Amino acid sequence: MRIGQVAARTGVSIDALRFYEEKGLIKPRRTANGYRSYPEQTLQLVGYIKLAQQLGFSLSEIGENLPLLWNSGQASAEVLARLFTEKLALLDDRIEQMQGLRALLAERAAQVCPLLASNSSS
């Protein structure tokens, strides 16, 4: 399958596919005339990359985990569950840090402007 076909079927731009290739996330074969030729499995792989990005995984994280996930073209449910659980823990930590930062900023804002302190008690 040519790169344009992969782009059309996955909704990912040709430039993004070339970038994924540069990062080692997808690996086309080269035909005799130098064109990229992608196996059918690439569609599923690009779908996984898109989903993982939407879930907050960086391309670096995705690349690190691909060898664990893709055995004979099938993603391992156990590995995915572990990765998602780890990502949830990281998000929970970040949310807690952000809530602490928000509380500190609100406290400082109230100290800087007495009107804010009186408005927050109404």
PDB file of N, CA and C in Angstrom:
ATOM      1  N   MET A   1       0.862  -1.154   0.000  1.00  0.00           N
ATOM      2  CA  MET A   1       0.000   0.000   0.000  1.00  0.00           C
ATOM      3  C   MET A   1       0.920   1.233   0.000  1.00  0.00           C
ATOM      4  N   ARG A   2       0.608   2.189  -0.823  1.00  0.00           N
ATOM      5  CA  ARG A   2       1.414   3.403  -0.946  1.00  0.00           C
ATOM      6  C   ARG A   2       1.063   4.384   0.169  1.00  0.00           C
ATOM      7  N   ILE A   3       1.927   5.358   0.378  1.00  0.00           N
ATOM      8  CA  ILE A   3       1.776   6.300   1.484  1.00  0.00           C
ATOM      9  C   ILE A   3       0.478   7.109   1.377  1.00  0.00           C
ATOM     10  N   GLY A   4       0.087   7.474   0.175  1.00  0.00           N
ATOM     11  CA  GLY A   4      -1.161   8.212  -0.014  1.00  0.00           C
ATOM     12  C   GLY A   4      -2.369   7.392   0.394  1.00  0.00           C
ATOM     13  N   GLN A   5      -2.318   6.096   0.140  1.00  0.00           N
ATOM     14  CA  GLN A   5      -3.417   5.214   0.535  1.00  0.00           C
ATOM     15  C   GLN A   5      -3.502   5.104   2.058  1.00  0.00           C
ATOM     16  N   VAL A   6      -2.341   4.991   2.696  1.00  0.00           N
ATOM     17  CA  VAL A   6      -2.324   4.918   4.163  1.00  0.00           C
ATOM     18  C   VAL A   6      -2.884   6.219   4.742  1.00  0.00           C
ATOM     19  N   ALA A   7      -2.456   7.339   4.182  1.00  0.00           N
ATOM     20  CA  ALA A   7      -2.939   8.639   4.648  1.00  0.00           C
ATOM     21  C   ALA A   7      -4.455   8.733   4.504  1.00  0.00           C
ATOM     22  N   ALA A   8      -4.976   8.349   3.357  1.00  0.00           N
ATOM     23  CA  ALA A   8      -6.416   8.436   3.108  1.00  0.00           C
ATOM     24  C   ALA A   8      -7.204   7.524   4.042  1.00  0.00           C
ATOM     25  N   ARG A   9      -6.703   6.332   4.277  1.00  0.00           N
ATOM     26  CA  ARG A   9      -7.452   5.355   5.086  1.00  0.00           C
ATOM     27  C   ARG A   9      -7.342   5.615   6.587  1.00  0.00           C
ATOM     28  N   THR A  10      -6.289   6.336   7.018  1.00  0.00           N
ATOM     29  CA  THR A  10      -6.115   6.577   8.456  1.00  0.00           C
ATOM     30  C   THR A  10      -6.468   7.996   8.872  1.00  0.00           C
ATOM     31  N   GLY A  11      -6.568   8.901   7.903  1.00  0.00           N
ATOM     32  CA  GLY A  11      -6.827  10.294   8.232  1.00  0.00           C
ATOM     33  C   GLY A  11      -5.599  11.020   8.758  1.00  0.00           C
ATOM     34  N   VAL A  12      -4.434  10.449   8.532  1.00  0.00           N
ATOM     35  CA  VAL A  12      -3.169  11.046   8.964  1.00  0.00           C
ATOM     36  C   VAL A  12      -2.477  11.593   7.727  1.00  0.00           C
ATOM     37  N   SER A  13      -1.900  12.774   7.841  1.00  0.00           N
ATOM     38  CA  SER A  13      -1.261  13.383   6.677  1.00  0.00           C
ATOM     39  C   SER A  13      -0.022  12.606   6.248  1.00  0.00           C
ATOM     40  N   ILE A  14       0.334  12.778   5.003  1.00  0.00           N
ATOM     41  CA  ILE A  14       1.541  12.151   4.470  1.00  0.00           C
ATOM     42  C   ILE A  14       2.759  12.630   5.246  1.00  0.00           C
ATOM     43  N   ASP A  15       2.784  13.916   5.579  1.00  0.00           N
ATOM     44  CA  ASP A  15       3.907  14.448   6.357  1.00  0.00           C
ATOM     45  C   ASP A  15       4.006  13.763   7.720  1.00  0.00           C
ATOM     46  N   ALA A  16       2.867  13.539   8.368  1.00  0.00           N
ATOM     47  CA  ALA A  16       2.873  12.859   9.665  1.00  0.00           C
ATOM     48  C   ALA A  16       3.375  11.428   9.516  1.00  0.00           C
ATOM     49  N   LEU A  17       2.953  10.750   8.464  1.00  0.00           N
ATOM     50  CA  LEU A  17       3.426   9.385   8.233  1.00  0.00           C
ATOM     51  C   LEU A  17       4.934   9.362   8.017  1.00  0.00           C
ATOM     52  N   ARG A  18       5.438  10.315   7.277  1.00  0.00           N
ATOM     53  CA  ARG A  18       6.899  10.401   7.072  1.00  0.00           C
ATOM     54  C   ARG A  18       7.605  10.671   8.403  1.00  0.00           C
ATOM     55  N   PHE A  19       6.985  11.504   9.240  1.00  0.00           N
ATOM     56  CA  PHE A  19       7.541  11.793  10.559  1.00  0.00           C
ATOM     57  C   PHE A  19       7.546  10.533  11.422  1.00  0.00           C
ATOM     58  N   TYR A  20       6.442   9.782  11.406  1.00  0.00           N
ATOM     59  CA  TYR A  20       6.385   8.518  12.143  1.00  0.00           C
ATOM     60  C   TYR A  20       7.486   7.573  11.663  1.00  0.00           C
ATOM     61  N   GLU A  21       7.699   7.558  10.356  1.00  0.00           N
ATOM     62  CA  GLU A  21       8.759   6.718   9.799  1.00  0.00           C
ATOM     63  C   GLU A  21      10.123   7.184  10.304  1.00  0.00           C
ATOM     64  N   GLU A  22      10.346   8.487  10.295  1.00  0.00           N
ATOM     65  CA  GLU A  22      11.613   9.053  10.767  1.00  0.00           C
ATOM     66  C   GLU A  22      11.870   8.683  12.228  1.00  0.00           C
ATOM     67  N   LYS A  23      10.805   8.631  13.027  1.00  0.00           N
ATOM     68  CA  LYS A  23      10.907   8.291  14.446  1.00  0.00           C
ATOM     69  C   LYS A  23      10.968   6.783  14.680  1.00  0.00           C
ATOM     70  N   GLY A  24      10.850   6.001  13.614  1.00  0.00           N
ATOM     71  CA  GLY A  24      10.925   4.550  13.738  1.00  0.00           C
ATOM     72  C   GLY A  24       9.631   3.892  14.181  1.00  0.00           C
ATOM     73  N   LEU A  25       8.516   4.633  14.122  1.00  0.00           N
ATOM     74  CA  LEU A  25       7.236   4.078  14.568  1.00  0.00           C
ATOM     75  C   LEU A  25       6.598   3.188  13.515  1.00  0.00           C
ATOM     76  N   ILE A  26       6.791   3.523  12.259  1.00  0.00           N
ATOM     77  CA  ILE A  26       6.300   2.678  11.163  1.00  0.00           C
ATOM     78  C   ILE A  26       7.469   2.427  10.225  1.00  0.00           C
ATOM     79  N   LYS A  27       7.424   1.292   9.559  1.00  0.00           N
ATOM     80  CA  LYS A  27       8.533   0.900   8.699  1.00  0.00           C
ATOM     81  C   LYS A  27       8.022   0.383   7.354  1.00  0.00           C
ATOM     82  N   PRO A  28       8.086   1.223   6.348  1.00  0.00           N
ATOM     83  CA  PRO A  28       7.682   0.755   5.019  1.00  0.00           C
ATOM     84  C   PRO A  28       8.811  -0.021   4.361  1.00  0.00           C
ATOM     85  N   ARG A  29       8.426  -0.796   3.398  1.00  0.00           N
ATOM     86  CA  ARG A  29       9.417  -1.407   2.509  1.00  0.00           C
ATOM     87  C   ARG A  29       9.594  -0.450   1.352  1.00  0.00           C
ATOM     88  N   ARG A  30      10.703  -0.521   0.689  1.00  0.00           N
ATOM     89  CA  ARG A  30      10.925   0.298  -0.502  1.00  0.00           C
ATOM     90  C   ARG A  30      10.805  -0.593  -1.726  1.00  0.00           C
ATOM     91  N   THR A  31      10.035  -0.116  -2.692  1.00  0.00           N
ATOM     92  CA  THR A  31       9.898  -0.864  -3.935  1.00  0.00           C
ATOM     93  C   THR A  31      11.131  -0.594  -4.800  1.00  0.00           C
ATOM     94  N   ALA A  32      11.238  -1.286  -5.906  1.00  0.00           N
ATOM     95  CA  ALA A  32      12.385  -1.135  -6.797  1.00  0.00           C
ATOM     96  C   ALA A  32      12.544   0.302  -7.287  1.00  0.00           C
ATOM     97  N   ASN A  33      11.428   0.994  -7.444  1.00  0.00           N
ATOM     98  CA  ASN A  33      11.506   2.380  -7.919  1.00  0.00           C
ATOM     99  C   ASN A  33      11.627   3.384  -6.763  1.00  0.00           C
ATOM    100  N   GLY A  34      11.790   2.902  -5.520  1.00  0.00           N
ATOM    101  CA  GLY A  34      12.023   3.775  -4.377  1.00  0.00           C
ATOM    102  C   GLY A  34      10.778   4.223  -3.630  1.00  0.00           C
ATOM    103  N   TYR A  35       9.599   3.837  -4.107  1.00  0.00           N
ATOM    104  CA  TYR A  35       8.364   4.215  -3.419  1.00  0.00           C
ATOM    105  C   TYR A  35       8.229   3.442  -2.105  1.00  0.00           C
ATOM    106  N   ARG A  36       7.575   4.086  -1.145  1.00  0.00           N
ATOM    107  CA  ARG A  36       7.266   3.412   0.111  1.00  0.00           C
ATOM    108  C   ARG A  36       6.106   2.452  -0.128  1.00  0.00           C
ATOM    109  N   SER A  37       6.211   1.284   0.463  1.00  0.00           N
ATOM    110  CA  SER A  37       5.140   0.298   0.403  1.00  0.00           C
ATOM    111  C   SER A  37       4.882  -0.186   1.829  1.00  0.00           C
ATOM    112  N   TYR A  38       3.674   0.074   2.300  1.00  0.00           N
ATOM    113  CA  TYR A  38       3.325  -0.253   3.678  1.00  0.00           C
ATOM    114  C   TYR A  38       2.488  -1.528   3.739  1.00  0.00           C
ATOM    115  N   PRO A  39       2.781  -2.391   4.713  1.00  0.00           N
ATOM    116  CA  PRO A  39       1.931  -3.572   4.896  1.00  0.00           C
ATOM    117  C   PRO A  39       0.575  -3.158   5.479  1.00  0.00           C
ATOM    118  N   GLU A  40      -0.408  -4.000   5.334  1.00  0.00           N
ATOM    119  CA  GLU A  40      -1.769  -3.734   5.823  1.00  0.00           C
ATOM    120  C   GLU A  40      -1.774  -3.439   7.327  1.00  0.00           C
ATOM    121  N   GLN A  41      -0.894  -4.062   8.074  1.00  0.00           N
ATOM    122  CA  GLN A  41      -0.802  -3.879   9.524  1.00  0.00           C
ATOM    123  C   GLN A  41      -0.538  -2.413   9.893  1.00  0.00           C
ATOM    124  N   THR A  42       0.033  -1.649   8.978  1.00  0.00           N
ATOM    125  CA  THR A  42       0.336  -0.245   9.244  1.00  0.00           C
ATOM    126  C   THR A  42      -0.919   0.541   9.588  1.00  0.00           C
ATOM    127  N   LEU A  43      -2.048   0.185   9.009  1.00  0.00           N
ATOM    128  CA  LEU A  43      -3.300   0.890   9.306  1.00  0.00           C
ATOM    129  C   LEU A  43      -3.649   0.775  10.783  1.00  0.00           C
ATOM    130  N   GLN A  44      -3.540  -0.427  11.314  1.00  0.00           N
ATOM    131  CA  GLN A  44      -3.831  -0.657  12.727  1.00  0.00           C
ATOM    132  C   GLN A  44      -2.795   0.058  13.600  1.00  0.00           C
ATOM    133  N   LEU A  45      -1.551   0.019  13.191  1.00  0.00           N
ATOM    134  CA  LEU A  45      -0.478   0.658  13.939  1.00  0.00           C
ATOM    135  C   LEU A  45      -0.664   2.174  13.996  1.00  0.00           C
ATOM    136  N   VAL A  46      -1.002   2.784  12.874  1.00  0.00           N
ATOM    137  CA  VAL A  46      -1.240   4.230  12.845  1.00  0.00           C
ATOM    138  C   VAL A  46      -2.465   4.573  13.698  1.00  0.00           C
ATOM    139  N   GLY A  47      -3.467   3.732  13.675  1.00  0.00           N
ATOM    140  CA  GLY A  47      -4.629   3.932  14.546  1.00  0.00           C
ATOM    141  C   GLY A  47      -4.235   3.919  16.007  1.00  0.00           C
ATOM    142  N   TYR A  48      -3.354   2.995  16.375  1.00  0.00           N
ATOM    143  CA  TYR A  48      -2.869   2.936  17.753  1.00  0.00           C
ATOM    144  C   TYR A  48      -2.083   4.207  18.105  1.00  0.00           C
ATOM    145  N   ILE A  49      -1.227   4.653  17.192  1.00  0.00           N
ATOM    146  CA  ILE A  49      -0.421   5.860  17.432  1.00  0.00           C
ATOM    147  C   ILE A  49      -1.341   7.064  17.661  1.00  0.00           C
ATOM    148  N   LYS A  50      -2.359   7.204  16.816  1.00  0.00           N
ATOM    149  CA  LYS A  50      -3.303   8.323  16.964  1.00  0.00           C
ATOM    150  C   LYS A  50      -4.012   8.263  18.314  1.00  0.00           C
ATOM    151  N   LEU A  51      -4.506   7.090  18.681  1.00  0.00           N
ATOM    152  CA  LEU A  51      -5.214   6.929  19.951  1.00  0.00           C
ATOM    153  C   LEU A  51      -4.284   7.217  21.126  1.00  0.00           C
ATOM    154  N   ALA A  52      -3.080   6.676  21.076  1.00  0.00           N
ATOM    155  CA  ALA A  52      -2.131   6.886  22.170  1.00  0.00           C
ATOM    156  C   ALA A  52      -1.807   8.368  22.336  1.00  0.00           C
ATOM    157  N   GLN A  53      -1.671   9.088  21.221  1.00  0.00           N
ATOM    158  CA  GLN A  53      -1.426  10.528  21.300  1.00  0.00           C
ATOM    159  C   GLN A  53      -2.623  11.246  21.933  1.00  0.00           C
ATOM    160  N   GLN A  54      -3.825  10.859  21.554  1.00  0.00           N
ATOM    161  CA  GLN A  54      -5.029  11.465  22.126  1.00  0.00           C
ATOM    162  C   GLN A  54      -5.116  11.206  23.631  1.00  0.00           C
ATOM    163  N   LEU A  55      -4.561  10.080  24.074  1.00  0.00           N
ATOM    164  CA  LEU A  55      -4.590   9.720  25.488  1.00  0.00           C
ATOM    165  C   LEU A  55      -3.423  10.330  26.262  1.00  0.00           C
ATOM    166  N   GLY A  56      -2.617  11.146  25.586  1.00  0.00           N
ATOM    167  CA  GLY A  56      -1.557  11.874  26.274  1.00  0.00           C
ATOM    168  C   GLY A  56      -0.180  11.263  26.213  1.00  0.00           C
ATOM    169  N   PHE A  57      -0.011  10.210  25.431  1.00  0.00           N
ATOM    170  CA  PHE A  57       1.309   9.601  25.303  1.00  0.00           C
ATOM    171  C   PHE A  57       2.124  10.366  24.264  1.00  0.00           C
ATOM    172  N   SER A  58       3.388  10.597  24.558  1.00  0.00           N
ATOM    173  CA  SER A  58       4.273  11.255  23.601  1.00  0.00           C
ATOM    174  C   SER A  58       4.713  10.235  22.552  1.00  0.00           C
ATOM    175  N   LEU A  59       5.202  10.737  21.426  1.00  0.00           N
ATOM    176  CA  LEU A  59       5.713   9.824  20.397  1.00  0.00           C
ATOM    177  C   LEU A  59       6.877   9.001  20.929  1.00  0.00           C
ATOM    178  N   SER A  60       7.655   9.583  21.807  1.00  0.00           N
ATOM    179  CA  SER A  60       8.765   8.856  22.420  1.00  0.00           C
ATOM    180  C   SER A  60       8.244   7.686  23.255  1.00  0.00           C
ATOM    181  N   GLU A  61       7.219   7.949  24.065  1.00  0.00           N
ATOM    182  CA  GLU A  61       6.617   6.873  24.866  1.00  0.00           C
ATOM    183  C   GLU A  61       6.008   5.803  23.968  1.00  0.00           C
ATOM    184  N   ILE A  62       5.357   6.244  22.922  1.00  0.00           N
ATOM    185  CA  ILE A  62       4.744   5.299  21.986  1.00  0.00           C
ATOM    186  C   ILE A  62       5.821   4.408  21.379  1.00  0.00           C
ATOM    187  N   GLY A  63       6.916   5.015  20.953  1.00  0.00           N
ATOM    188  CA  GLY A  63       8.015   4.249  20.361  1.00  0.00           C
ATOM    189  C   GLY A  63       8.634   3.265  21.329  1.00  0.00           C
ATOM    190  N   GLU A  64       8.754   3.657  22.591  1.00  0.00           N
ATOM    191  CA  GLU A  64       9.315   2.760  23.606  1.00  0.00           C
ATOM    192  C   GLU A  64       8.420   1.553  23.839  1.00  0.00           C
ATOM    193  N   ASN A  65       7.111   1.759  23.728  1.00  0.00           N
ATOM    194  CA  ASN A  65       6.165   0.696  24.060  1.00  0.00           C
ATOM    195  C   ASN A  65       5.762  -0.172  22.883  1.00  0.00           C
ATOM    196  N   LEU A  66       6.041   0.265  21.668  1.00  0.00           N
ATOM    197  CA  LEU A  66       5.636  -0.522  20.502  1.00  0.00           C
ATOM    198  C   LEU A  66       6.165  -1.957  20.520  1.00  0.00           C
ATOM    199  N   PRO A  67       7.429  -2.167  20.856  1.00  0.00           N
ATOM    200  CA  PRO A  67       7.898  -3.563  20.865  1.00  0.00           C
ATOM    201  C   PRO A  67       7.128  -4.442  21.846  1.00  0.00           C
ATOM    202  N   LEU A  68       6.676  -3.857  22.957  1.00  0.00           N
ATOM    203  CA  LEU A  68       5.895  -4.616  23.931  1.00  0.00           C
ATOM    204  C   LEU A  68       4.495  -4.938  23.417  1.00  0.00           C
ATOM    205  N   LEU A  69       3.956  -4.024  22.616  1.00  0.00           N
ATOM    206  CA  LEU A  69       2.560  -4.123  22.214  1.00  0.00           C
ATOM    207  C   LEU A  69       2.323  -4.948  20.960  1.00  0.00           C
ATOM    208  N   TRP A  70       3.251  -4.899  20.037  1.00  0.00           N
ATOM    209  CA  TRP A  70       2.982  -5.490  18.733  1.00  0.00           C
ATOM    210  C   TRP A  70       3.719  -6.794  18.558  1.00  0.00           C
ATOM    211  N   ASN A  71       3.014  -7.844  18.853  1.00  0.00           N
ATOM    212  CA  ASN A  71       3.518  -9.190  18.652  1.00  0.00           C
ATOM    213  C   ASN A  71       2.583  -9.846  17.642  1.00  0.00           C
ATOM    214  N   SER A  72       3.091 -10.110  16.490  1.00  0.00           N
ATOM    215  CA  SER A  72       2.281 -10.672  15.397  1.00  0.00           C
ATOM    216  C   SER A  72       1.128  -9.749  15.023  1.00  0.00           C
ATOM    217  N   GLY A  73       1.327  -8.440  15.186  1.00  0.00           N
ATOM    218  CA  GLY A  73       0.315  -7.475  14.767  1.00  0.00           C
ATOM    219  C   GLY A  73      -0.817  -7.268  15.741  1.00  0.00           C
ATOM    220  N   GLN A  74      -0.761  -7.874  16.920  1.00  0.00           N
ATOM    221  CA  GLN A  74      -1.850  -7.730  17.884  1.00  0.00           C
ATOM    222  C   GLN A  74      -1.350  -7.032  19.146  1.00  0.00           C
ATOM    223  N   ALA A  75      -2.094  -6.041  19.605  1.00  0.00           N
ATOM    224  CA  ALA A  75      -1.739  -5.343  20.839  1.00  0.00           C
ATOM    225  C   ALA A  75      -2.109  -6.216  22.035  1.00  0.00           C
ATOM    226  N   SER A  76      -1.268  -6.225  23.035  1.00  0.00           N
ATOM    227  CA  SER A  76      -1.515  -7.010  24.238  1.00  0.00           C
ATOM    228  C   SER A  76      -2.386  -6.212  25.201  1.00  0.00           C
ATOM    229  N   ALA A  77      -3.522  -6.762  25.574  1.00  0.00           N
ATOM    230  CA  ALA A  77      -4.452  -6.083  26.487  1.00  0.00           C
ATOM    231  C   ALA A  77      -3.816  -5.849  27.850  1.00  0.00           C
ATOM    232  N   GLU A  78      -3.027  -6.796  28.316  1.00  0.00           N
ATOM    233  CA  GLU A  78      -2.377  -6.648  29.616  1.00  0.00           C
ATOM    234  C   GLU A  78      -1.372  -5.506  29.615  1.00  0.00           C
ATOM    235  N   VAL A  79      -0.591  -5.415  28.561  1.00  0.00           N
ATOM    236  CA  VAL A  79       0.401  -4.338  28.460  1.00  0.00           C
ATOM    237  C   VAL A  79      -0.305  -2.997  28.362  1.00  0.00           C
ATOM    238  N   LEU A  80      -1.352  -2.930  27.563  1.00  0.00           N
ATOM    239  CA  LEU A  80      -2.106  -1.682  27.446  1.00  0.00           C
ATOM    240  C   LEU A  80      -2.706  -1.277  28.785  1.00  0.00           C
ATOM    241  N   ALA A  81      -3.272  -2.218  29.499  1.00  0.00           N
ATOM    242  CA  ALA A  81      -3.869  -1.910  30.799  1.00  0.00           C
ATOM    243  C   ALA A  81      -2.813  -1.357  31.745  1.00  0.00           C
ATOM    244  N   ARG A  82      -1.618  -1.938  31.750  1.00  0.00           N
ATOM    245  CA  ARG A  82      -0.540  -1.453  32.611  1.00  0.00           C
ATOM    246  C   ARG A  82      -0.108  -0.042  32.208  1.00  0.00           C
ATOM    247  N   LEU A  83       0.058   0.175  30.910  1.00  0.00           N
ATOM    248  CA  LEU A  83       0.461   1.503  30.425  1.00  0.00           C
ATOM    249  C   LEU A  83      -0.581   2.561  30.779  1.00  0.00           C
ATOM    250  N   PHE A  84      -1.849   2.220  30.603  1.00  0.00           N
ATOM    251  CA  PHE A  84      -2.918   3.168  30.901  1.00  0.00           C
ATOM    252  C   PHE A  84      -2.977   3.459  32.404  1.00  0.00           C
ATOM    253  N   THR A  85      -2.781   2.441  33.226  1.00  0.00           N
ATOM    254  CA  THR A  85      -2.786   2.622  34.679  1.00  0.00           C
ATOM    255  C   THR A  85      -1.638   3.529  35.102  1.00  0.00           C
ATOM    256  N   GLU A  86      -0.462   3.318  34.507  1.00  0.00           N
ATOM    257  CA  GLU A  86       0.690   4.177  34.810  1.00  0.00           C
ATOM    258  C   GLU A  86       0.423   5.616  34.374  1.00  0.00           C
ATOM    259  N   LYS A  87      -0.185   5.794  33.201  1.00  0.00           N
ATOM    260  CA  LYS A  87      -0.490   7.146  32.718  1.00  0.00           C
ATOM    261  C   LYS A  87      -1.516   7.807  33.626  1.00  0.00           C
ATOM    262  N   LEU A  88      -2.512   7.051  34.089  1.00  0.00           N
ATOM    263  CA  LEU A  88      -3.503   7.599  35.024  1.00  0.00           C
ATOM    264  C   LEU A  88      -2.842   8.080  36.313  1.00  0.00           C
ATOM    265  N   ALA A  89      -1.896   7.314  36.825  1.00  0.00           N
ATOM    266  CA  ALA A  89      -1.195   7.710  38.046  1.00  0.00           C
ATOM    267  C   ALA A  89      -0.421   9.009  37.818  1.00  0.00           C
ATOM    268  N   LEU A  90       0.234   9.127  36.667  1.00  0.00           N
ATOM    269  CA  LEU A  90       0.955  10.363  36.341  1.00  0.00           C
ATOM    270  C   LEU A  90       0.001  11.548  36.242  1.00  0.00           C
ATOM    271  N   LEU A  91      -1.141  11.340  35.609  1.00  0.00           N
ATOM    272  CA  LEU A  91      -2.134  12.413  35.488  1.00  0.00           C
ATOM    273  C   LEU A  91      -2.673  12.813  36.849  1.00  0.00           C
ATOM    274  N   ASP A  92      -2.940  11.832  37.694  1.00  0.00           N
ATOM    275  CA  ASP A  92      -3.420  12.143  39.046  1.00  0.00           C
ATOM    276  C   ASP A  92      -2.387  12.982  39.800  1.00  0.00           C
ATOM    277  N   ASP A  93      -1.105  12.637  39.675  1.00  0.00           N
ATOM    278  CA  ASP A  93      -0.047  13.422  40.318  1.00  0.00           C
ATOM    279  C   ASP A  93      -0.015  14.845  39.776  1.00  0.00           C
ATOM    280  N   ARG A  94      -0.125  14.989  38.463  1.00  0.00           N
ATOM    281  CA  ARG A  94      -0.107  16.327  37.858  1.00  0.00           C
ATOM    282  C   ARG A  94      -1.317  17.144  38.290  1.00  0.00           C
ATOM    283  N   ILE A  95      -2.485  16.509  38.357  1.00  0.00           N
ATOM    284  CA  ILE A  95      -3.703  17.207  38.792  1.00  0.00           C
ATOM    285  C   ILE A  95      -3.525  17.689  40.225  1.00  0.00           C
ATOM    286  N   GLU A  96      -2.982  16.837  41.078  1.00  0.00           N
ATOM    287  CA  GLU A  96      -2.751  17.212  42.473  1.00  0.00           C
ATOM    288  C   GLU A  96      -1.776  18.398  42.562  1.00  0.00           C
ATOM    289  N   GLN A  97      -0.708  18.348  41.771  1.00  0.00           N
ATOM    290  CA  GLN A  97       0.253  19.457  41.752  1.00  0.00           C
ATOM    291  C   GLN A  97      -0.406  20.747  41.264  1.00  0.00           C
ATOM    292  N   MET A  98      -1.207  20.644  40.221  1.00  0.00           N
ATOM    293  CA  MET A  98      -1.878  21.823  39.668  1.00  0.00           C
ATOM    294  C   MET A  98      -2.889  22.387  40.661  1.00  0.00           C
ATOM    295  N   GLN A  99      -3.599  21.524  41.378  1.00  0.00           N
ATOM    296  CA  GLN A  99      -4.548  22.008  42.383  1.00  0.00           C
ATOM    297  C   GLN A  99      -3.818  22.727  43.509  1.00  0.00           C
ATOM    298  N   GLY A 100      -2.665  22.211  43.888  1.00  0.00           N
ATOM    299  CA  GLY A 100      -1.851  22.879  44.904  1.00  0.00           C
ATOM    300  C   GLY A 100      -1.367  24.235  44.419  1.00  0.00           C
ATOM    301  N   LEU A 101      -0.926  24.293  43.170  1.00  0.00           N
ATOM    302  CA  LEU A 101      -0.489  25.549  42.583  1.00  0.00           C
ATOM    303  C   LEU A 101      -1.636  26.545  42.508  1.00  0.00           C
ATOM    304  N   ARG A 102      -2.813  26.071  42.126  1.00  0.00           N
ATOM    305  CA  ARG A 102      -3.980  26.945  42.039  1.00  0.00           C
ATOM    306  C   ARG A 102      -4.319  27.534  43.408  1.00  0.00           C
ATOM    307  N   ALA A 103      -4.289  26.688  44.439  1.00  0.00           N
ATOM    308  CA  ALA A 103      -4.594  27.164  45.793  1.00  0.00           C
ATOM    309  C   ALA A 103      -3.574  28.210  46.232  1.00  0.00           C
ATOM    310  N   LEU A 104      -2.314  27.982  45.928  1.00  0.00           N
ATOM    311  CA  LEU A 104      -1.270  28.936  46.288  1.00  0.00           C
ATOM    312  C   LEU A 104      -1.454  30.256  45.554  1.00  0.00           C
ATOM    313  N   LEU A 105      -1.760  30.191  44.261  1.00  0.00           N
ATOM    314  CA  LEU A 105      -1.993  31.414  43.489  1.00  0.00           C
ATOM    315  C   LEU A 105      -3.208  32.176  44.004  1.00  0.00           C
ATOM    316  N   ALA A 106      -4.266  31.463  44.324  1.00  0.00           N
ATOM    317  CA  ALA A 106      -5.468  32.117  44.856  1.00  0.00           C
ATOM    318  C   ALA A 106      -5.159  32.803  46.186  1.00  0.00           C
ATOM    319  N   GLU A 107      -4.373  32.143  47.019  1.00  0.00           N
ATOM    320  CA  GLU A 107      -3.985  32.723  48.306  1.00  0.00           C
ATOM    321  C   GLU A 107      -3.160  33.993  48.094  1.00  0.00           C
ATOM    322  N   ARG A 108      -2.198  33.926  47.178  1.00  0.00           N
ATOM    323  CA  ARG A 108      -1.345  35.100  46.891  1.00  0.00           C
ATOM    324  C   ARG A 108      -2.158  36.231  46.268  1.00  0.00           C
ATOM    325  N   ALA A 109      -3.073  35.900  45.386  1.00  0.00           N
ATOM    326  CA  ALA A 109      -3.903  36.924  44.751  1.00  0.00           C
ATOM    327  C   ALA A 109      -4.742  37.634  45.801  1.00  0.00           C
ATOM    328  N   ALA A 110      -5.258  36.897  46.762  1.00  0.00           N
ATOM    329  CA  ALA A 110      -6.069  37.498  47.824  1.00  0.00           C
ATOM    330  C   ALA A 110      -5.229  38.406  48.706  1.00  0.00           C
ATOM    331  N   GLN A 111      -3.969  38.073  48.912  1.00  0.00           N
ATOM    332  CA  GLN A 111      -3.082  38.901  49.727  1.00  0.00           C
ATOM    333  C   GLN A 111      -2.707  40.193  49.009  1.00  0.00           C
ATOM    334  N   VAL A 112      -2.571  40.104  47.691  1.00  0.00           N
ATOM    335  CA  VAL A 112      -2.187  41.266  46.901  1.00  0.00           C
ATOM    336  C   VAL A 112      -3.342  42.241  46.780  1.00  0.00           C
ATOM    337  N   CYS A 113      -4.549  41.735  46.673  1.00  0.00           N
ATOM    338  CA  CYS A 113      -5.718  42.590  46.462  1.00  0.00           C
ATOM    339  C   CYS A 113      -6.767  42.275  47.527  1.00  0.00           C
ATOM    340  N   PRO A 114      -6.921  43.157  48.505  1.00  0.00           N
ATOM    341  CA  PRO A 114      -7.903  42.912  49.579  1.00  0.00           C
ATOM    342  C   PRO A 114      -9.323  42.732  49.047  1.00  0.00           C
ATOM    343  N   LEU A 115      -9.641  43.329  47.908  1.00  0.00           N
ATOM    344  CA  LEU A 115     -10.988  43.176  47.350  1.00  0.00           C
ATOM    345  C   LEU A 115     -11.258  41.727  46.956  1.00  0.00           C
ATOM    346  N   LEU A 116     -10.220  41.040  46.476  1.00  0.00           N
ATOM    347  CA  LEU A 116     -10.402  39.629  46.110  1.00  0.00           C
ATOM    348  C   LEU A 116     -10.756  38.806  47.342  1.00  0.00           C
ATOM    349  N   ALA A 117     -10.129  39.105  48.465  1.00  0.00           N
ATOM    350  CA  ALA A 117     -10.402  38.354  49.694  1.00  0.00           C
ATOM    351  C   ALA A 117     -11.840  38.554  50.148  1.00  0.00           C
ATOM    352  N   SER A 118     -12.348  39.797  50.048  1.00  0.00           N
ATOM    353  CA  SER A 118     -13.730  40.041  50.472  1.00  0.00           C
ATOM    354  C   SER A 118     -14.736  39.476  49.485  1.00  0.00           C
ATOM    355  N   ASN A 119     -14.374  39.437  48.181  1.00  0.00           N
ATOM    356  CA  ASN A 119     -15.280  38.867  47.175  1.00  0.00           C
ATOM    357  C   ASN A 119     -15.381  37.359  47.312  1.00  0.00           C
ATOM    358  N   SER A 120     -14.296  36.707  47.705  1.00  0.00           N
ATOM    359  CA  SER A 120     -14.323  35.250  47.761  1.00  0.00           C
ATOM    360  C   SER A 120     -15.170  34.753  48.928  1.00  0.00           C
ATOM    361  N   SER A 121     -15.430  35.594  49.924  1.00  0.00           N
ATOM    362  CA  SER A 121     -16.246  35.146  51.061  1.00  0.00           C
ATOM    363  C   SER A 121     -17.725  35.361  50.812  1.00  0.00           C
ATOM    364  N   SER A 122     -18.110  36.037  49.720  1.00  0.00           N
ATOM    365  CA  SER A 122     -19.528  36.285  49.441  1.00  0.00           C
ATOM    366  C   SER A 122     -20.167  35.112  48.798  1.00  0.00           C
TER     367      SER A 122
END
